[in-house]
Amino acid sequence: MALLIFSFACTKDSLDDPTPESGTEEERVVWLGDNITFSKANAADPTLEENQDRITDLVWITRANGGGQIFNIKSESQAESGSSPKGTLWAIGSIDEIDDLDFRTFRSAVEKPKNVVGKDLVLQLVEENIFLRVKFTSWSNQGGGGFAYERSSPE
């Protein structure tokens, strides 16, 4: 099930007329469907589709075999610690608290990726304005690039 949330920006002049100004409506899609489990084994080729979580046409999450953090192989060839995965923002917390969460890059949100296992996260797919639950269930600390997580689906 996907939940659509609409928010409207109003100016002082529009307080008497609750109709939003043209272009100020922001649509947010929240995925609350069943969990999907994704995993990439150590040494599995990150360029192969089965080793990428193709969440949407714009965001394909994977991890290189040398370790490091996750990245969006659809739009970048390797992880960059300050910005990867491109097109995403992350927050620690529950999707029920979405309006109060602090969304940041993956590394900034989780600090050390190796410590992400078991944390409740909310992932924002920035360009599509989609929000979903994510919980990492494993993270290989010995290189190899293995990791796994559960995430919510659209339906």
C-alpha atoms as a PDB file:
ATOM      1  CA  MET A   1       0.000   0.000   0.000  1.00  0.00           C
ATOM      2  CA  ALA A   2       1.350   3.452  -0.901  1.00  0.00           C
ATOM      3  CA  LEU A   3       0.249   6.460   1.079  1.00  0.00           C
ATOM      4  CA  LEU A   4       0.110   9.851  -0.603  1.00  0.00           C
ATOM      5  CA  ILE A   5       0.597  12.867   1.624  1.00  0.00           C
ATOM      6  CA  PHE A   6      -0.072  16.341   0.328  1.00  0.00           C
ATOM      7  CA  SER A   7       1.241  19.473   1.949  1.00  0.00           C
ATOM      8  CA  PHE A   8       0.390  22.991   0.888  1.00  0.00           C
ATOM      9  CA  ALA A   9       2.370  26.181   1.241  1.00  0.00           C
ATOM     10  CA  CYS A  10       0.251  29.192   2.073  1.00  0.00           C
ATOM     11  CA  THR A  11       1.203  32.838   2.158  1.00  0.00           C
ATOM     12  CA  LYS A  12      -0.274  35.453   4.449  1.00  0.00           C
ATOM     13  CA  ASP A  13      -2.378  36.715   1.540  1.00  0.00           C
ATOM     14  CA  SER A  14      -3.827  33.230   1.015  1.00  0.00           C
ATOM     15  CA  LEU A  15      -5.051  32.655   4.570  1.00  0.00           C
ATOM     16  CA  ASP A  16      -8.600  33.551   3.550  1.00  0.00           C
ATOM     17  CA  ASP A  17      -8.388  31.245   0.514  1.00  0.00           C
ATOM     18  CA  PRO A  18      -7.091  27.762   1.442  1.00  0.00           C
ATOM     19  CA  THR A  19      -6.447  26.874  -2.213  1.00  0.00           C
ATOM     20  CA  PRO A  20      -2.692  26.395  -2.675  1.00  0.00           C
ATOM     21  CA  GLU A  21      -0.785  28.644  -5.024  1.00  0.00           C
ATOM     22  CA  SER A  22       0.197  27.151  -8.357  1.00  0.00           C
ATOM     23  CA  GLY A  23       3.365  25.079  -8.044  1.00  0.00           C
ATOM     24  CA  THR A  24       3.416  24.952  -4.238  1.00  0.00           C
ATOM     25  CA  GLU A  25       1.789  21.542  -3.777  1.00  0.00           C
ATOM     26  CA  GLU A  26       4.311  18.901  -2.785  1.00  0.00           C
ATOM     27  CA  GLU A  27       3.430  15.235  -3.151  1.00  0.00           C
ATOM     28  CA  ARG A  28       5.120  12.692  -0.899  1.00  0.00           C
ATOM     29  CA  VAL A  29       4.684   8.967  -1.486  1.00  0.00           C
ATOM     30  CA  VAL A  30       5.204   6.669   1.497  1.00  0.00           C
ATOM     31  CA  TRP A  31       5.635   2.953   0.830  1.00  0.00           C
ATOM     32  CA  LEU A  32       3.932   0.935   3.568  1.00  0.00           C
ATOM     33  CA  GLY A  33       3.653  -2.408   1.766  1.00  0.00           C
ATOM     34  CA  ASP A  34       5.115  -5.762   2.745  1.00  0.00           C
ATOM     35  CA  ASN A  35       8.844  -6.012   3.404  1.00  0.00           C
ATOM     36  CA  ILE A  36      11.177  -7.083   0.621  1.00  0.00           C
ATOM     37  CA  THR A  37      14.474  -8.721   1.582  1.00  0.00           C
ATOM     38  CA  PHE A  38      17.545  -7.883  -0.485  1.00  0.00           C
ATOM     39  CA  SER A  39      21.000  -9.356  -0.031  1.00  0.00           C
ATOM     40  CA  LYS A  40      24.322  -9.260  -1.832  1.00  0.00           C
ATOM     41  CA  ALA A  41      26.825 -11.951  -0.958  1.00  0.00           C
ATOM     42  CA  ASN A  42      30.525 -11.289  -0.452  1.00  0.00           C
ATOM     43  CA  ALA A  43      32.388 -11.210  -3.787  1.00  0.00           C
ATOM     44  CA  ALA A  44      29.141 -11.146  -5.819  1.00  0.00           C
ATOM     45  CA  ASP A  45      29.523  -8.988  -8.928  1.00  0.00           C
ATOM     46  CA  PRO A  46      27.850  -5.618  -8.154  1.00  0.00           C
ATOM     47  CA  THR A  47      27.361  -4.919 -11.874  1.00  0.00           C
ATOM     48  CA  LEU A  48      24.912  -7.816 -12.233  1.00  0.00           C
ATOM     49  CA  GLU A  49      21.204  -7.082 -11.757  1.00  0.00           C
ATOM     50  CA  GLU A  50      20.728  -9.832  -9.167  1.00  0.00           C
ATOM     51  CA  ASN A  51      23.254  -8.052  -6.919  1.00  0.00           C
ATOM     52  CA  GLN A  52      21.467  -4.701  -7.081  1.00  0.00           C
ATOM     53  CA  ASP A  53      18.287  -3.713  -5.308  1.00  0.00           C
ATOM     54  CA  ARG A  54      16.522  -1.958  -8.160  1.00  0.00           C
ATOM     55  CA  ILE A  55      14.106  -0.015  -6.001  1.00  0.00           C
ATOM     56  CA  THR A  56      12.935   2.242  -8.861  1.00  0.00           C
ATOM     57  CA  ASP A  57      14.170   3.084 -12.346  1.00  0.00           C
ATOM     58  CA  LEU A  58      16.472   5.704 -10.785  1.00  0.00           C
ATOM     59  CA  VAL A  59      17.842   3.990  -7.659  1.00  0.00           C
ATOM     60  CA  TRP A  60      19.745   0.676  -7.791  1.00  0.00           C
ATOM     61  CA  ILE A  61      21.528  -0.012  -4.478  1.00  0.00           C
ATOM     62  CA  THR A  62      24.620  -2.235  -4.326  1.00  0.00           C
ATOM     63  CA  ARG A  63      28.058  -2.397  -2.721  1.00  0.00           C
ATOM     64  CA  ALA A  64      31.531  -2.935  -4.200  1.00  0.00           C
ATOM     65  CA  ASN A  65      33.455  -6.092  -3.355  1.00  0.00           C
ATOM     66  CA  GLY A  66      36.270  -4.192  -1.702  1.00  0.00           C
ATOM     67  CA  GLY A  67      33.936  -3.101   1.063  1.00  0.00           C
ATOM     68  CA  GLY A  68      33.063   0.507   1.701  1.00  0.00           C
ATOM     69  CA  GLN A  69      29.543   1.803   1.699  1.00  0.00           C
ATOM     70  CA  ILE A  70      26.543   1.245  -0.539  1.00  0.00           C
ATOM     71  CA  PHE A  71      26.034   3.250  -3.722  1.00  0.00           C
ATOM     72  CA  ASN A  72      23.514   3.808  -6.522  1.00  0.00           C
ATOM     73  CA  ILE A  73      25.011   1.940  -9.472  1.00  0.00           C
ATOM     74  CA  LYS A  74      22.389   3.471 -11.778  1.00  0.00           C
ATOM     75  CA  SER A  75      23.992   6.910 -11.413  1.00  0.00           C
ATOM     76  CA  GLU A  76      27.507   6.296 -10.021  1.00  0.00           C
ATOM     77  CA  SER A  77      30.257   3.755 -10.657  1.00  0.00           C
ATOM     78  CA  GLN A  78      31.543   3.578  -7.081  1.00  0.00           C
ATOM     79  CA  ALA A  79      30.731   4.800  -3.592  1.00  0.00           C
ATOM     80  CA  GLU A  80      31.677   8.314  -2.546  1.00  0.00           C
ATOM     81  CA  SER A  81      31.590   8.549   1.257  1.00  0.00           C
ATOM     82  CA  GLY A  82      30.203  12.103   1.302  1.00  0.00           C
ATOM     83  CA  SER A  83      27.367  11.619  -1.170  1.00  0.00           C
ATOM     84  CA  SER A  84      26.546   7.977  -1.963  1.00  0.00           C
ATOM     85  CA  PRO A  85      24.138   6.560  -2.747  1.00  0.00           C
ATOM     86  CA  LYS A  86      23.265   9.406  -5.116  1.00  0.00           C
ATOM     87  CA  GLY A  87      19.617  10.331  -5.304  1.00  0.00           C
ATOM     88  CA  THR A  88      18.935   9.213  -1.735  1.00  0.00           C
ATOM     89  CA  LEU A  89      18.692  10.686   1.745  1.00  0.00           C
ATOM     90  CA  TRP A  90      18.507   8.662   4.964  1.00  0.00           C
ATOM     91  CA  ALA A  91      17.300   9.151   8.519  1.00  0.00           C
ATOM     92  CA  ILE A  92      17.435   7.008  11.634  1.00  0.00           C
ATOM     93  CA  GLY A  93      13.951   6.482  13.010  1.00  0.00           C
ATOM     94  CA  SER A  94      10.482   5.259  12.205  1.00  0.00           C
ATOM     95  CA  ILE A  95       8.455   6.118   9.136  1.00  0.00           C
ATOM     96  CA  ASP A  96       5.679   7.093  11.580  1.00  0.00           C
ATOM     97  CA  GLU A  97       7.916  10.017  12.629  1.00  0.00           C
ATOM     98  CA  ILE A  98       8.695  11.115   9.058  1.00  0.00           C
ATOM     99  CA  ASP A  99       7.970  14.813   9.632  1.00  0.00           C
ATOM    100  CA  ASP A 100      10.406  14.963  12.571  1.00  0.00           C
ATOM    101  CA  LEU A 101      13.323  13.058  11.023  1.00  0.00           C
ATOM    102  CA  ASP A 102      16.633  14.592   9.934  1.00  0.00           C
ATOM    103  CA  PHE A 103      17.383  13.324   6.411  1.00  0.00           C
ATOM    104  CA  ARG A 104      21.052  13.240   5.387  1.00  0.00           C
ATOM    105  CA  THR A 105      23.454  11.347   3.173  1.00  0.00           C
ATOM    106  CA  PHE A 106      23.858   7.692   4.134  1.00  0.00           C
ATOM    107  CA  ARG A 107      27.264   8.135   5.806  1.00  0.00           C
ATOM    108  CA  SER A 108      26.174  11.247   7.673  1.00  0.00           C
ATOM    109  CA  ALA A 109      22.992   9.567   8.910  1.00  0.00           C
ATOM    110  CA  VAL A 110      24.532   6.269  10.075  1.00  0.00           C
ATOM    111  CA  GLU A 111      28.073   7.546  10.799  1.00  0.00           C
ATOM    112  CA  LYS A 112      29.837   4.181  10.425  1.00  0.00           C
ATOM    113  CA  PRO A 113      28.115   1.879   7.905  1.00  0.00           C
ATOM    114  CA  LYS A 114      29.450  -1.203   9.732  1.00  0.00           C
ATOM    115  CA  ASN A 115      27.254  -0.192  12.704  1.00  0.00           C
ATOM    116  CA  VAL A 116      24.030   0.122  10.688  1.00  0.00           C
ATOM    117  CA  VAL A 117      22.742  -3.411  11.346  1.00  0.00           C
ATOM    118  CA  GLY A 118      19.519  -3.444  13.353  1.00  0.00           C
ATOM    119  CA  LYS A 119      18.790   0.292  13.104  1.00  0.00           C
ATOM    120  CA  ASP A 120      15.401   1.482  11.885  1.00  0.00           C
ATOM    121  CA  LEU A 121      15.961   3.792   8.920  1.00  0.00           C
ATOM    122  CA  VAL A 122      13.811   5.772   6.543  1.00  0.00           C
ATOM    123  CA  LEU A 123      15.092   6.122   2.993  1.00  0.00           C
ATOM    124  CA  GLN A 124      14.016   8.995   0.759  1.00  0.00           C
ATOM    125  CA  LEU A 125      14.314   8.541  -2.989  1.00  0.00           C
ATOM    126  CA  VAL A 126      14.832  12.234  -3.618  1.00  0.00           C
ATOM    127  CA  GLU A 127      13.847  12.678  -7.254  1.00  0.00           C
ATOM    128  CA  GLU A 128      10.671  10.622  -6.916  1.00  0.00           C
ATOM    129  CA  ASN A 129       9.886  11.878  -3.378  1.00  0.00           C
ATOM    130  CA  ILE A 130       9.287   8.297  -2.197  1.00  0.00           C
ATOM    131  CA  PHE A 131       9.881   7.301   1.430  1.00  0.00           C
ATOM    132  CA  LEU A 132      10.334   3.721   2.651  1.00  0.00           C
ATOM    133  CA  ARG A 133      11.370   1.745   5.728  1.00  0.00           C
ATOM    134  CA  VAL A 134      14.802   0.066   5.710  1.00  0.00           C
ATOM    135  CA  LYS A 135      16.486  -2.158   8.284  1.00  0.00           C
ATOM    136  CA  PHE A 136      19.907  -3.661   7.576  1.00  0.00           C
ATOM    137  CA  THR A 137      20.226  -7.265   8.719  1.00  0.00           C
ATOM    138  CA  SER A 138      23.899  -7.826   7.824  1.00  0.00           C
ATOM    139  CA  TRP A 139      27.008  -5.887   6.814  1.00  0.00           C
ATOM    140  CA  SER A 140      30.293  -7.588   5.904  1.00  0.00           C
ATOM    141  CA  ASN A 141      33.174  -5.917   7.751  1.00  0.00           C
ATOM    142  CA  GLN A 142      35.945  -7.985   6.165  1.00  0.00           C
ATOM    143  CA  GLY A 143      35.784  -6.516   2.656  1.00  0.00           C
ATOM    144  CA  GLY A 144      33.883  -8.649   0.197  1.00  0.00           C
ATOM    145  CA  GLY A 145      30.979  -6.199  -0.099  1.00  0.00           C
ATOM    146  CA  GLY A 146      28.249  -8.345   1.398  1.00  0.00           C
ATOM    147  CA  PHE A 147      25.167  -6.778   2.976  1.00  0.00           C
ATOM    148  CA  ALA A 148      21.461  -7.389   3.422  1.00  0.00           C
ATOM    149  CA  TYR A 149      18.390  -5.433   4.410  1.00  0.00           C
ATOM    150  CA  GLU A 150      14.630  -5.480   4.541  1.00  0.00           C
ATOM    151  CA  ARG A 151      12.662  -2.608   3.034  1.00  0.00           C
ATOM    152  CA  SER A 152       9.034  -1.735   2.536  1.00  0.00           C
ATOM    153  CA  SER A 153       7.374  -2.065  -0.842  1.00  0.00           C
ATOM    154  CA  PRO A 154       4.823   0.106  -2.639  1.00  0.00           C
ATOM    155  CA  GLU A 155       1.979  -2.392  -2.321  1.00  0.00           C
END
